[in-house]
Amino acid sequence: MLLFFTLLWGANFILAEVALKEMSPISFSVSRFAMGGLALFLVMYLQYRYEERRTSGPVSFLPKIKRKHWPRLILISVIGATLAPWLGIEGLGLTHGARASLWLALGPAVSTYCGYLFRTERMGLYGYIGIVLAVIGTVILAWDGLRPAQGYWLGDLILIVALILTVIELHLIKPLARQYGPVPVVAIRTAIGCSLYMMIASPALVEVTWLSLGPWTWIAILAGGAIGVGVGQWAKVRALKILGPTQVVLYGNMVPIAALLIAWLSIGENPSRLEVVSAVFIIVGAIFIQVIDGKAGASNKKKEIEEDLSFLMSTKQDN
């Protein structure tokens, strides 16, 4: 099942690239984001009804957030569910889907390095090796985007800012995830951020001629949002409990590869040699950081990897 969602997440980038030919970036992004939020709440409701019947007693649908935690939650919502997806889709409009997935695959390296700087995470020898590999891949990808024949530098810059916001959200949301649970916190954050996002995008949404949109654009909105963003997050959290973090990390690192392959097969988008080389360095670096260094960190780091993976992958697909 997780392999299916990995392919779907990779296809999401390509579907978004196709949809942006008919819609403005912000109108498409907020439409898909809203569908993902609705699907996530539907899955949560079905799970809530199941737990209610199983326990034969009262079950809380959403946790009661303490008053002191609301400012942090609102900040997280604005950063992770309004600004990050907005900038992410704007950056995608200035580059192409497979390339965007490569930049977002850099997230584990950026997050680990920030955690090391702020002393919120430990990093071993393999973590350092992963950081170096990811930096090499970043330099190669940035150099490729600066070439006159490519001209992706502005899109790359916007995607990097979106990635930084995603990492900031990741570190801010960890305490709330530990206290209230990852899925409820993601759902509340999505609802708050998406409401603000829809207010900002309302002028663009009014201008969309919805009945004239092509079938692939609708597939990108409905399937990409409801299944890829919404149900996909639930499936990912379930997979963490069944497979463990290492296997799920490996599936997550396959998303850029899936995006490159699907782009080549579907719309004939051939990646440059530098993009392929960069992909190898970034993905191998992520594996060193999340998988190999994670194993070396023993059991106390396992829980942190699960939480980081859950939120990082959710924001990756939201963008």
C-alpha atoms as a PDB file:
ATOM      1  CA  MET A   1       0.000   0.000   0.000  1.00  0.00           C
ATOM      2  CA  LEU A   2       2.790   2.399   0.905  1.00  0.00           C
ATOM      3  CA  LEU A   3       4.449   1.788  -2.470  1.00  0.00           C
ATOM      4  CA  PHE A   4       1.197   2.882  -4.147  1.00  0.00           C
ATOM      5  CA  PHE A   5       1.189   6.132  -2.164  1.00  0.00           C
ATOM      6  CA  THR A   6       4.872   6.672  -2.950  1.00  0.00           C
ATOM      7  CA  LEU A   7       4.081   6.519  -6.654  1.00  0.00           C
ATOM      8  CA  LEU A   8       1.060   8.750  -6.099  1.00  0.00           C
ATOM      9  CA  TRP A   9       3.130  11.334  -4.205  1.00  0.00           C
ATOM     10  CA  GLY A  10       5.648  11.327  -7.056  1.00  0.00           C
ATOM     11  CA  ALA A  11       2.831  11.700  -9.579  1.00  0.00           C
ATOM     12  CA  ASN A  12       1.457  14.605  -7.518  1.00  0.00           C
ATOM     13  CA  PHE A  13       4.347  16.807  -8.618  1.00  0.00           C
ATOM     14  CA  ILE A  14       3.740  15.960 -12.288  1.00  0.00           C
ATOM     15  CA  LEU A  15      -0.039  16.393 -12.033  1.00  0.00           C
ATOM     16  CA  ALA A  16       0.529  19.774 -10.411  1.00  0.00           C
ATOM     17  CA  GLU A  17       2.775  20.787 -13.292  1.00  0.00           C
ATOM     18  CA  VAL A  18       0.007  19.864 -15.765  1.00  0.00           C
ATOM     19  CA  ALA A  19      -2.719  21.631 -13.728  1.00  0.00           C
ATOM     20  CA  LEU A  20      -0.720  24.859 -13.539  1.00  0.00           C
ATOM     21  CA  LYS A  21      -1.237  25.263 -17.283  1.00  0.00           C
ATOM     22  CA  GLU A  22      -4.950  25.842 -16.592  1.00  0.00           C
ATOM     23  CA  MET A  23      -4.965  27.379 -13.115  1.00  0.00           C
ATOM     24  CA  SER A  24      -2.952  29.949 -11.230  1.00  0.00           C
ATOM     25  CA  PRO A  25      -0.546  28.405  -8.704  1.00  0.00           C
ATOM     26  CA  ILE A  26      -2.382  29.667  -5.620  1.00  0.00           C
ATOM     27  CA  SER A  27      -5.867  28.625  -6.822  1.00  0.00           C
ATOM     28  CA  PHE A  28      -4.678  25.108  -7.620  1.00  0.00           C
ATOM     29  CA  SER A  29      -2.690  24.770  -4.398  1.00  0.00           C
ATOM     30  CA  VAL A  30      -5.501  25.862  -2.089  1.00  0.00           C
ATOM     31  CA  SER A  31      -8.018  23.638  -3.928  1.00  0.00           C
ATOM     32  CA  ARG A  32      -5.830  20.563  -3.509  1.00  0.00           C
ATOM     33  CA  PHE A  33      -4.976  21.514   0.063  1.00  0.00           C
ATOM     34  CA  ALA A  34      -8.667  21.877   0.951  1.00  0.00           C
ATOM     35  CA  MET A  35      -9.463  18.470  -0.543  1.00  0.00           C
ATOM     36  CA  GLY A  36      -6.629  16.921   1.438  1.00  0.00           C
ATOM     37  CA  GLY A  37      -7.890  18.506   4.659  1.00  0.00           C
ATOM     38  CA  LEU A  38     -11.452  17.276   4.087  1.00  0.00           C
ATOM     39  CA  ALA A  39     -10.224  13.752   3.342  1.00  0.00           C
ATOM     40  CA  LEU A  40      -8.008  13.742   6.441  1.00  0.00           C
ATOM     41  CA  PHE A  41     -10.909  14.785   8.687  1.00  0.00           C
ATOM     42  CA  LEU A  42     -13.148  12.155   7.063  1.00  0.00           C
ATOM     43  CA  VAL A  43     -10.588   9.441   7.796  1.00  0.00           C
ATOM     44  CA  MET A  44     -10.248  10.712  11.357  1.00  0.00           C
ATOM     45  CA  TYR A  45     -14.035  10.652  11.794  1.00  0.00           C
ATOM     46  CA  LEU A  46     -14.294   7.072  10.524  1.00  0.00           C
ATOM     47  CA  GLN A  47     -11.456   6.051  12.829  1.00  0.00           C
ATOM     48  CA  TYR A  48     -13.198   7.868  15.704  1.00  0.00           C
ATOM     49  CA  ARG A  49     -16.454   5.975  15.065  1.00  0.00           C
ATOM     50  CA  TYR A  50     -14.544   2.699  14.927  1.00  0.00           C
ATOM     51  CA  GLU A  51     -12.804   3.393  18.252  1.00  0.00           C
ATOM     52  CA  GLU A  52     -16.109   4.450  19.812  1.00  0.00           C
ATOM     53  CA  ARG A  53     -17.732   1.150  18.863  1.00  0.00           C
ATOM     54  CA  ARG A  54     -14.697  -0.888  19.846  1.00  0.00           C
ATOM     55  CA  THR A  55     -14.361   0.623  23.312  1.00  0.00           C
ATOM     56  CA  SER A  56     -18.130   1.026  23.898  1.00  0.00           C
ATOM     57  CA  GLY A  57     -17.472   4.326  25.638  1.00  0.00           C
ATOM     58  CA  PRO A  58     -16.866   8.035  25.004  1.00  0.00           C
ATOM     59  CA  VAL A  59     -13.891   8.790  22.771  1.00  0.00           C
ATOM     60  CA  SER A  60     -12.529  12.277  22.105  1.00  0.00           C
ATOM     61  CA  PHE A  61     -12.558  13.198  18.405  1.00  0.00           C
ATOM     62  CA  LEU A  62      -9.990  15.993  18.808  1.00  0.00           C
ATOM     63  CA  PRO A  63      -7.769  16.668  21.801  1.00  0.00           C
ATOM     64  CA  LYS A  64      -8.447  19.674  24.002  1.00  0.00           C
ATOM     65  CA  ILE A  65      -5.581  22.064  23.312  1.00  0.00           C
ATOM     66  CA  LYS A  66      -4.344  23.996  26.328  1.00  0.00           C
ATOM     67  CA  ARG A  67      -4.617  27.781  26.114  1.00  0.00           C
ATOM     68  CA  LYS A  68      -0.862  28.271  26.392  1.00  0.00           C
ATOM     69  CA  HIS A  69      -0.285  26.084  23.313  1.00  0.00           C
ATOM     70  CA  TRP A  70      -2.630  27.955  20.949  1.00  0.00           C
ATOM     71  CA  PRO A  71      -0.144  30.717  19.953  1.00  0.00           C
ATOM     72  CA  ARG A  72       2.402  28.071  18.915  1.00  0.00           C
ATOM     73  CA  LEU A  73      -0.263  26.076  17.057  1.00  0.00           C
ATOM     74  CA  ILE A  74      -1.479  29.160  15.172  1.00  0.00           C
ATOM     75  CA  LEU A  75       2.090  30.091  14.231  1.00  0.00           C
ATOM     76  CA  ILE A  76       2.678  26.552  13.019  1.00  0.00           C
ATOM     77  CA  SER A  77      -0.532  26.662  10.988  1.00  0.00           C
ATOM     78  CA  VAL A  78       0.456  29.899   9.256  1.00  0.00           C
ATOM     79  CA  ILE A  79       3.994  28.728   8.537  1.00  0.00           C
ATOM     80  CA  GLY A  80       3.266  25.129   7.545  1.00  0.00           C
ATOM     81  CA  ALA A  81      -0.253  25.213   6.107  1.00  0.00           C
ATOM     82  CA  THR A  82      -0.387  28.669   4.512  1.00  0.00           C
ATOM     83  CA  LEU A  83       3.013  30.100   3.618  1.00  0.00           C
ATOM     84  CA  ALA A  84       4.928  26.873   2.871  1.00  0.00           C
ATOM     85  CA  PRO A  85       2.400  25.385   0.400  1.00  0.00           C
ATOM     86  CA  TRP A  86       1.827  28.802  -1.182  1.00  0.00           C
ATOM     87  CA  LEU A  87       5.527  29.379  -1.808  1.00  0.00           C
ATOM     88  CA  GLY A  88       5.998  25.724  -2.772  1.00  0.00           C
ATOM     89  CA  ILE A  89       3.448  25.877  -5.574  1.00  0.00           C
ATOM     90  CA  GLU A  90       4.707  29.275  -6.760  1.00  0.00           C
ATOM     91  CA  GLY A  91       8.201  27.822  -6.961  1.00  0.00           C
ATOM     92  CA  LEU A  92       6.889  24.800  -8.841  1.00  0.00           C
ATOM     93  CA  GLY A  93       5.313  27.151 -11.395  1.00  0.00           C
ATOM     94  CA  LEU A  94       8.789  28.505 -12.164  1.00  0.00           C
ATOM     95  CA  THR A  95      10.505  25.125 -12.490  1.00  0.00           C
ATOM     96  CA  HIS A  96       9.243  21.573 -13.087  1.00  0.00           C
ATOM     97  CA  GLY A  97       7.749  18.883 -10.873  1.00  0.00           C
ATOM     98  CA  ALA A  98      10.613  16.401 -10.722  1.00  0.00           C
ATOM     99  CA  ARG A  99      13.075  19.163  -9.849  1.00  0.00           C
ATOM    100  CA  ALA A 100      10.766  20.456  -7.110  1.00  0.00           C
ATOM    101  CA  SER A 101      10.614  16.986  -5.556  1.00  0.00           C
ATOM    102  CA  LEU A 102      14.424  16.956  -5.418  1.00  0.00           C
ATOM    103  CA  TRP A 103      14.527  20.212  -3.466  1.00  0.00           C
ATOM    104  CA  LEU A 104      11.946  18.926  -1.012  1.00  0.00           C
ATOM    105  CA  ALA A 105      13.942  15.699  -0.615  1.00  0.00           C
ATOM    106  CA  LEU A 106      16.647  17.899   0.882  1.00  0.00           C
ATOM    107  CA  GLY A 107      14.396  18.420   3.929  1.00  0.00           C
ATOM    108  CA  PRO A 108      15.898  15.697   6.180  1.00  0.00           C
ATOM    109  CA  ALA A 109      19.402  17.128   5.789  1.00  0.00           C
ATOM    110  CA  VAL A 110      18.291  20.697   6.537  1.00  0.00           C
ATOM    111  CA  SER A 111      16.204  19.548   9.500  1.00  0.00           C
ATOM    112  CA  THR A 112      18.992  17.430  10.992  1.00  0.00           C
ATOM    113  CA  TYR A 113      21.522  20.232  10.656  1.00  0.00           C
ATOM    114  CA  CYS A 114      19.165  22.759  12.283  1.00  0.00           C
ATOM    115  CA  GLY A 115      18.482  20.284  15.083  1.00  0.00           C
ATOM    116  CA  TYR A 116      22.211  19.889  15.604  1.00  0.00           C
ATOM    117  CA  LEU A 117      22.776  23.661  15.701  1.00  0.00           C
ATOM    118  CA  PHE A 118      19.945  24.237  18.188  1.00  0.00           C
ATOM    119  CA  ARG A 119      20.909  21.130  20.197  1.00  0.00           C
ATOM    120  CA  THR A 120      17.495  19.533  19.692  1.00  0.00           C
ATOM    121  CA  GLU A 121      18.933  16.469  17.925  1.00  0.00           C
ATOM    122  CA  ARG A 122      22.075  14.379  18.071  1.00  0.00           C
ATOM    123  CA  MET A 123      24.078  13.508  14.997  1.00  0.00           C
ATOM    124  CA  GLY A 124      26.617  10.745  14.574  1.00  0.00           C
ATOM    125  CA  LEU A 125      29.345  10.098  12.029  1.00  0.00           C
ATOM    126  CA  TYR A 126      26.916   8.834   9.386  1.00  0.00           C
ATOM    127  CA  GLY A 127      24.796  11.921   9.919  1.00  0.00           C
ATOM    128  CA  TYR A 128      27.786  14.122   9.070  1.00  0.00           C
ATOM    129  CA  ILE A 129      28.433  12.044   5.955  1.00  0.00           C
ATOM    130  CA  GLY A 130      24.773  12.442   4.949  1.00  0.00           C
ATOM    131  CA  ILE A 131      24.947  16.221   5.435  1.00  0.00           C
ATOM    132  CA  VAL A 132      28.052  16.437   3.229  1.00  0.00           C
ATOM    133  CA  LEU A 133      26.440  14.336   0.488  1.00  0.00           C
ATOM    134  CA  ALA A 134      23.271  16.443   0.624  1.00  0.00           C
ATOM    135  CA  VAL A 135      25.301  19.673   0.401  1.00  0.00           C
ATOM    136  CA  ILE A 136      27.139  18.348  -2.659  1.00  0.00           C
ATOM    137  CA  GLY A 137      23.801  17.456  -4.260  1.00  0.00           C
ATOM    138  CA  THR A 138      22.434  20.905  -3.422  1.00  0.00           C
ATOM    139  CA  VAL A 139      25.396  22.692  -5.005  1.00  0.00           C
ATOM    140  CA  ILE A 140      25.050  20.586  -8.154  1.00  0.00           C
ATOM    141  CA  LEU A 141      21.297  21.237  -8.393  1.00  0.00           C
ATOM    142  CA  ALA A 142      21.720  24.972  -7.752  1.00  0.00           C
ATOM    143  CA  TRP A 143      24.480  25.194 -10.370  1.00  0.00           C
ATOM    144  CA  ASP A 144      22.250  23.405 -12.868  1.00  0.00           C
ATOM    145  CA  GLY A 145      19.451  25.908 -12.213  1.00  0.00           C
ATOM    146  CA  LEU A 146      21.740  28.896 -12.767  1.00  0.00           C
ATOM    147  CA  ARG A 147      22.732  27.793 -16.256  1.00  0.00           C
ATOM    148  CA  PRO A 148      21.223  30.082 -18.941  1.00  0.00           C
ATOM    149  CA  ALA A 149      19.701  27.094 -20.722  1.00  0.00           C
ATOM    150  CA  GLN A 150      17.757  26.172 -17.572  1.00  0.00           C
ATOM    151  CA  GLY A 151      16.838  29.445 -15.869  1.00  0.00           C
ATOM    152  CA  TYR A 152      15.320  27.812 -12.769  1.00  0.00           C
ATOM    153  CA  TRP A 153      17.137  29.947 -10.201  1.00  0.00           C
ATOM    154  CA  LEU A 154      14.072  31.957  -9.066  1.00  0.00           C
ATOM    155  CA  GLY A 155      11.898  28.848  -8.725  1.00  0.00           C
ATOM    156  CA  ASP A 156      14.725  27.111  -6.864  1.00  0.00           C
ATOM    157  CA  LEU A 157      15.078  30.056  -4.492  1.00  0.00           C
ATOM    158  CA  ILE A 158      11.354  30.108  -3.678  1.00  0.00           C
ATOM    159  CA  LEU A 159      11.347  26.338  -3.105  1.00  0.00           C
ATOM    160  CA  ILE A 160      14.296  26.678  -0.718  1.00  0.00           C
ATOM    161  CA  VAL A 161      12.380  29.283   1.307  1.00  0.00           C
ATOM    162  CA  ALA A 162       9.359  26.948   1.388  1.00  0.00           C
ATOM    163  CA  LEU A 163      11.635  24.149   2.569  1.00  0.00           C
ATOM    164  CA  ILE A 164      13.094  26.310   5.354  1.00  0.00           C
ATOM    165  CA  LEU A 165       9.570  27.165   6.537  1.00  0.00           C
ATOM    166  CA  THR A 166       8.733  23.466   6.505  1.00  0.00           C
ATOM    167  CA  VAL A 167      11.750  22.687   8.682  1.00  0.00           C
ATOM    168  CA  ILE A 168      10.889  25.507  11.102  1.00  0.00           C
ATOM    169  CA  GLU A 169       7.376  24.078  11.399  1.00  0.00           C
ATOM    170  CA  LEU A 170       8.813  20.631  12.020  1.00  0.00           C
ATOM    171  CA  HIS A 171      10.843  21.761  15.019  1.00  0.00           C
ATOM    172  CA  LEU A 172       8.042  23.914  16.443  1.00  0.00           C
ATOM    173  CA  ILE A 173       5.399  21.202  16.157  1.00  0.00           C
ATOM    174  CA  LYS A 174       7.325  18.361  17.819  1.00  0.00           C
ATOM    175  CA  PRO A 175       6.317  19.215  21.426  1.00  0.00           C
ATOM    176  CA  LEU A 176       2.645  19.422  20.448  1.00  0.00           C
ATOM    177  CA  ALA A 177       2.872  16.123  18.580  1.00  0.00           C
ATOM    178  CA  ARG A 178       4.262  14.377  21.641  1.00  0.00           C
ATOM    179  CA  GLN A 179       1.498  15.725  23.868  1.00  0.00           C
ATOM    180  CA  TYR A 180      -1.584  15.510  21.631  1.00  0.00           C
ATOM    181  CA  GLY A 181      -0.627  12.966  18.943  1.00  0.00           C
ATOM    182  CA  PRO A 182       0.643  13.583  15.388  1.00  0.00           C
ATOM    183  CA  VAL A 183      -2.553  13.030  13.369  1.00  0.00           C
ATOM    184  CA  PRO A 184      -4.865  15.311  15.429  1.00  0.00           C
ATOM    185  CA  VAL A 185      -2.263  18.080  15.499  1.00  0.00           C
ATOM    186  CA  VAL A 186      -1.741  17.853  11.718  1.00  0.00           C
ATOM    187  CA  ALA A 187      -5.526  17.945  11.209  1.00  0.00           C
ATOM    188  CA  ILE A 188      -6.015  21.045  13.393  1.00  0.00           C
ATOM    189  CA  ARG A 189      -3.013  22.767  11.827  1.00  0.00           C
ATOM    190  CA  THR A 190      -4.383  21.986   8.355  1.00  0.00           C
ATOM    191  CA  ALA A 191      -7.845  23.349   9.202  1.00  0.00           C
ATOM    192  CA  ILE A 192      -6.493  26.648  10.574  1.00  0.00           C
ATOM    193  CA  GLY A 193      -3.892  27.164   7.860  1.00  0.00           C
ATOM    194  CA  CYS A 194      -6.223  26.187   5.041  1.00  0.00           C
ATOM    195  CA  SER A 195      -8.908  28.639   6.238  1.00  0.00           C
ATOM    196  CA  LEU A 196      -6.410  31.508   6.063  1.00  0.00           C
ATOM    197  CA  TYR A 197      -5.052  30.191   2.766  1.00  0.00           C
ATOM    198  CA  MET A 198      -8.542  30.179   1.216  1.00  0.00           C
ATOM    199  CA  MET A 199      -9.132  33.773   2.328  1.00  0.00           C
ATOM    200  CA  ILE A 200      -5.895  34.855   0.629  1.00  0.00           C
ATOM    201  CA  ALA A 201      -6.659  32.821  -2.504  1.00  0.00           C
ATOM    202  CA  SER A 202     -10.351  33.818  -2.792  1.00  0.00           C
ATOM    203  CA  PRO A 203      -9.797  36.399  -5.612  1.00  0.00           C
ATOM    204  CA  ALA A 204      -7.924  33.805  -7.668  1.00  0.00           C
ATOM    205  CA  LEU A 205     -10.538  31.123  -6.940  1.00  0.00           C
ATOM    206  CA  VAL A 206     -13.343  33.363  -8.223  1.00  0.00           C
ATOM    207  CA  GLU A 207     -11.536  33.833 -11.539  1.00  0.00           C
ATOM    208  CA  VAL A 208     -11.209  30.094 -12.212  1.00  0.00           C
ATOM    209  CA  THR A 209     -13.567  28.740 -14.900  1.00  0.00           C
ATOM    210  CA  TRP A 210     -14.167  25.451 -13.100  1.00  0.00           C
ATOM    211  CA  LEU A 211     -16.333  23.835 -15.794  1.00  0.00           C
ATOM    212  CA  SER A 212     -13.667  24.289 -18.448  1.00  0.00           C
ATOM    213  CA  LEU A 213     -10.906  22.533 -16.524  1.00  0.00           C
ATOM    214  CA  GLY A 214      -9.495  19.416 -18.147  1.00  0.00           C
ATOM    215  CA  PRO A 215      -9.812  15.918 -16.663  1.00  0.00           C
ATOM    216  CA  TRP A 216      -6.158  15.736 -15.587  1.00  0.00           C
ATOM    217  CA  THR A 217      -6.509  18.990 -13.679  1.00  0.00           C
ATOM    218  CA  TRP A 218      -9.511  17.579 -11.812  1.00  0.00           C
ATOM    219  CA  ILE A 219      -7.565  14.402 -11.099  1.00  0.00           C
ATOM    220  CA  ALA A 220      -4.739  16.545  -9.711  1.00  0.00           C
ATOM    221  CA  ILE A 221      -7.179  18.381  -7.423  1.00  0.00           C
ATOM    222  CA  LEU A 222      -9.330  15.457  -6.287  1.00  0.00           C
ATOM    223  CA  ALA A 223      -6.959  12.490  -6.302  1.00  0.00           C
ATOM    224  CA  GLY A 224      -3.836  14.509  -5.574  1.00  0.00           C
ATOM    225  CA  GLY A 225      -5.552  16.293  -2.714  1.00  0.00           C
ATOM    226  CA  ALA A 226      -7.933  13.767  -1.180  1.00  0.00           C
ATOM    227  CA  ILE A 227      -5.854  10.620  -1.702  1.00  0.00           C
ATOM    228  CA  GLY A 228      -2.282  11.870  -1.940  1.00  0.00           C
ATOM    229  CA  VAL A 229      -2.395  14.588   0.707  1.00  0.00           C
ATOM    230  CA  GLY A 230      -5.287  13.500   2.938  1.00  0.00           C
ATOM    231  CA  VAL A 231      -5.617   9.710   3.029  1.00  0.00           C
ATOM    232  CA  GLY A 232      -1.905   9.388   2.283  1.00  0.00           C
ATOM    233  CA  GLN A 233      -0.988  10.971   5.608  1.00  0.00           C
ATOM    234  CA  TRP A 234      -3.190   8.517   7.496  1.00  0.00           C
ATOM    235  CA  ALA A 235      -1.659   5.596   5.570  1.00  0.00           C
ATOM    236  CA  LYS A 236       1.823   6.871   6.359  1.00  0.00           C
ATOM    237  CA  VAL A 237       1.184   7.080  10.098  1.00  0.00           C
ATOM    238  CA  ARG A 238      -0.340   3.589  10.045  1.00  0.00           C
ATOM    239  CA  ALA A 239       2.686   2.318   8.136  1.00  0.00           C
ATOM    240  CA  LEU A 240       5.009   3.719  10.814  1.00  0.00           C
ATOM    241  CA  LYS A 241       3.353   1.432  13.361  1.00  0.00           C
ATOM    242  CA  ILE A 242       3.496  -1.654  11.118  1.00  0.00           C
ATOM    243  CA  LEU A 243       6.772  -1.317   9.202  1.00  0.00           C
ATOM    244  CA  GLY A 244       8.790   0.935  11.476  1.00  0.00           C
ATOM    245  CA  PRO A 245      10.507   4.213  10.601  1.00  0.00           C
ATOM    246  CA  THR A 246      13.423   2.811   8.594  1.00  0.00           C
ATOM    247  CA  GLN A 247      11.285   1.170   5.936  1.00  0.00           C
ATOM    248  CA  VAL A 248       8.963   4.173   5.682  1.00  0.00           C
ATOM    249  CA  VAL A 249      11.927   6.530   5.299  1.00  0.00           C
ATOM    250  CA  LEU A 250      13.160   4.430   2.386  1.00  0.00           C
ATOM    251  CA  TYR A 251       9.745   4.675   0.724  1.00  0.00           C
ATOM    252  CA  GLY A 252       9.720   8.442   1.302  1.00  0.00           C
ATOM    253  CA  ASN A 253      13.125   8.847  -0.315  1.00  0.00           C
ATOM    254  CA  MET A 254      11.772   7.068  -3.402  1.00  0.00           C
ATOM    255  CA  VAL A 255       9.338   9.951  -4.105  1.00  0.00           C
ATOM    256  CA  PRO A 256      11.841  12.051  -6.139  1.00  0.00           C
ATOM    257  CA  ILE A 257      12.838   8.947  -8.106  1.00  0.00           C
ATOM    258  CA  ALA A 258       9.174   8.226  -8.810  1.00  0.00           C
ATOM    259  CA  ALA A 259       8.637  11.852  -9.864  1.00  0.00           C
ATOM    260  CA  LEU A 260      11.583  11.753 -12.283  1.00  0.00           C
ATOM    261  CA  LEU A 261      10.433   8.441 -13.771  1.00  0.00           C
ATOM    262  CA  ILE A 262       6.763   9.451 -14.110  1.00  0.00           C
ATOM    263  CA  ALA A 263       7.734  12.801 -15.673  1.00  0.00           C
ATOM    264  CA  TRP A 264       9.860  10.979 -18.244  1.00  0.00           C
ATOM    265  CA  LEU A 265       7.172   8.396 -19.083  1.00  0.00           C
ATOM    266  CA  SER A 266       4.124  10.694 -19.062  1.00  0.00           C
ATOM    267  CA  ILE A 267       5.093  14.127 -20.372  1.00  0.00           C
ATOM    268  CA  GLY A 268       8.471  13.347 -21.906  1.00  0.00           C
ATOM    269  CA  GLU A 269      10.370  15.512 -19.418  1.00  0.00           C
ATOM    270  CA  ASN A 270      13.971  14.393 -19.553  1.00  0.00           C
ATOM    271  CA  PRO A 271      16.023  15.282 -16.475  1.00  0.00           C
ATOM    272  CA  SER A 272      19.406  16.836 -17.089  1.00  0.00           C
ATOM    273  CA  ARG A 273      22.525  14.906 -16.178  1.00  0.00           C
ATOM    274  CA  LEU A 274      23.217  17.287 -13.324  1.00  0.00           C
ATOM    275  CA  GLU A 275      19.698  16.740 -11.948  1.00  0.00           C
ATOM    276  CA  VAL A 276      20.218  12.964 -11.962  1.00  0.00           C
ATOM    277  CA  VAL A 277      23.622  13.275 -10.246  1.00  0.00           C
ATOM    278  CA  SER A 278      22.148  15.696  -7.718  1.00  0.00           C
ATOM    279  CA  ALA A 279      19.281  13.290  -7.024  1.00  0.00           C
ATOM    280  CA  VAL A 280      21.748  10.511  -6.202  1.00  0.00           C
ATOM    281  CA  PHE A 281      23.697  12.667  -3.733  1.00  0.00           C
ATOM    282  CA  ILE A 282      20.598  14.125  -2.011  1.00  0.00           C
ATOM    283  CA  ILE A 283      18.738  10.812  -1.678  1.00  0.00           C
ATOM    284  CA  VAL A 284      21.788   8.853  -0.524  1.00  0.00           C
ATOM    285  CA  GLY A 285      22.522  11.664   1.950  1.00  0.00           C
ATOM    286  CA  ALA A 286      18.960  11.406   3.301  1.00  0.00           C
ATOM    287  CA  ILE A 287      19.355   7.648   3.730  1.00  0.00           C
ATOM    288  CA  PHE A 288      22.618   8.156   5.644  1.00  0.00           C
ATOM    289  CA  ILE A 289      20.938  10.701   7.937  1.00  0.00           C
ATOM    290  CA  GLN A 290      17.578   9.036   8.538  1.00  0.00           C
ATOM    291  CA  VAL A 291      18.298   5.334   8.194  1.00  0.00           C
ATOM    292  CA  ILE A 292      21.946   4.524   8.874  1.00  0.00           C
ATOM    293  CA  ASP A 293      22.603   7.233  11.472  1.00  0.00           C
ATOM    294  CA  GLY A 294      19.155   6.569  12.937  1.00  0.00           C
ATOM    295  CA  LYS A 295      20.088   2.925  13.564  1.00  0.00           C
ATOM    296  CA  ALA A 296      23.389   3.966  15.106  1.00  0.00           C
ATOM    297  CA  GLY A 297      21.516   6.283  17.480  1.00  0.00           C
ATOM    298  CA  ALA A 298      19.789   3.321  19.186  1.00  0.00           C
ATOM    299  CA  SER A 299      16.253   3.148  20.530  1.00  0.00           C
ATOM    300  CA  ASN A 300      15.927   6.602  22.122  1.00  0.00           C
ATOM    301  CA  LYS A 301      16.271   8.213  18.707  1.00  0.00           C
ATOM    302  CA  LYS A 302      13.689   5.946  17.092  1.00  0.00           C
ATOM    303  CA  LYS A 303      10.736   7.899  18.437  1.00  0.00           C
ATOM    304  CA  GLU A 304      12.199  11.197  17.230  1.00  0.00           C
ATOM    305  CA  ILE A 305      12.720   9.763  13.750  1.00  0.00           C
ATOM    306  CA  GLU A 306       9.095   8.623  13.633  1.00  0.00           C
ATOM    307  CA  GLU A 307       7.814  12.070  14.590  1.00  0.00           C
ATOM    308  CA  ASP A 308      10.150  13.926  12.245  1.00  0.00           C
ATOM    309  CA  LEU A 309       9.296  11.595   9.375  1.00  0.00           C
ATOM    310  CA  SER A 310       5.566  11.947   9.957  1.00  0.00           C
ATOM    311  CA  PHE A 311       5.514  15.730   9.814  1.00  0.00           C
ATOM    312  CA  LEU A 312       8.238  16.207   7.224  1.00  0.00           C
ATOM    313  CA  MET A 313       6.578  13.840   4.770  1.00  0.00           C
ATOM    314  CA  SER A 314       3.154  15.405   5.356  1.00  0.00           C
ATOM    315  CA  THR A 315       4.418  18.904   4.589  1.00  0.00           C
ATOM    316  CA  LYS A 316       6.388  17.579   1.653  1.00  0.00           C
ATOM    317  CA  GLN A 317       3.238  16.252   0.035  1.00  0.00           C
ATOM    318  CA  ASP A 318       1.185  19.304   1.007  1.00  0.00           C
ATOM    319  CA  ASN A 319       3.506  21.501  -1.009  1.00  0.00           C
END
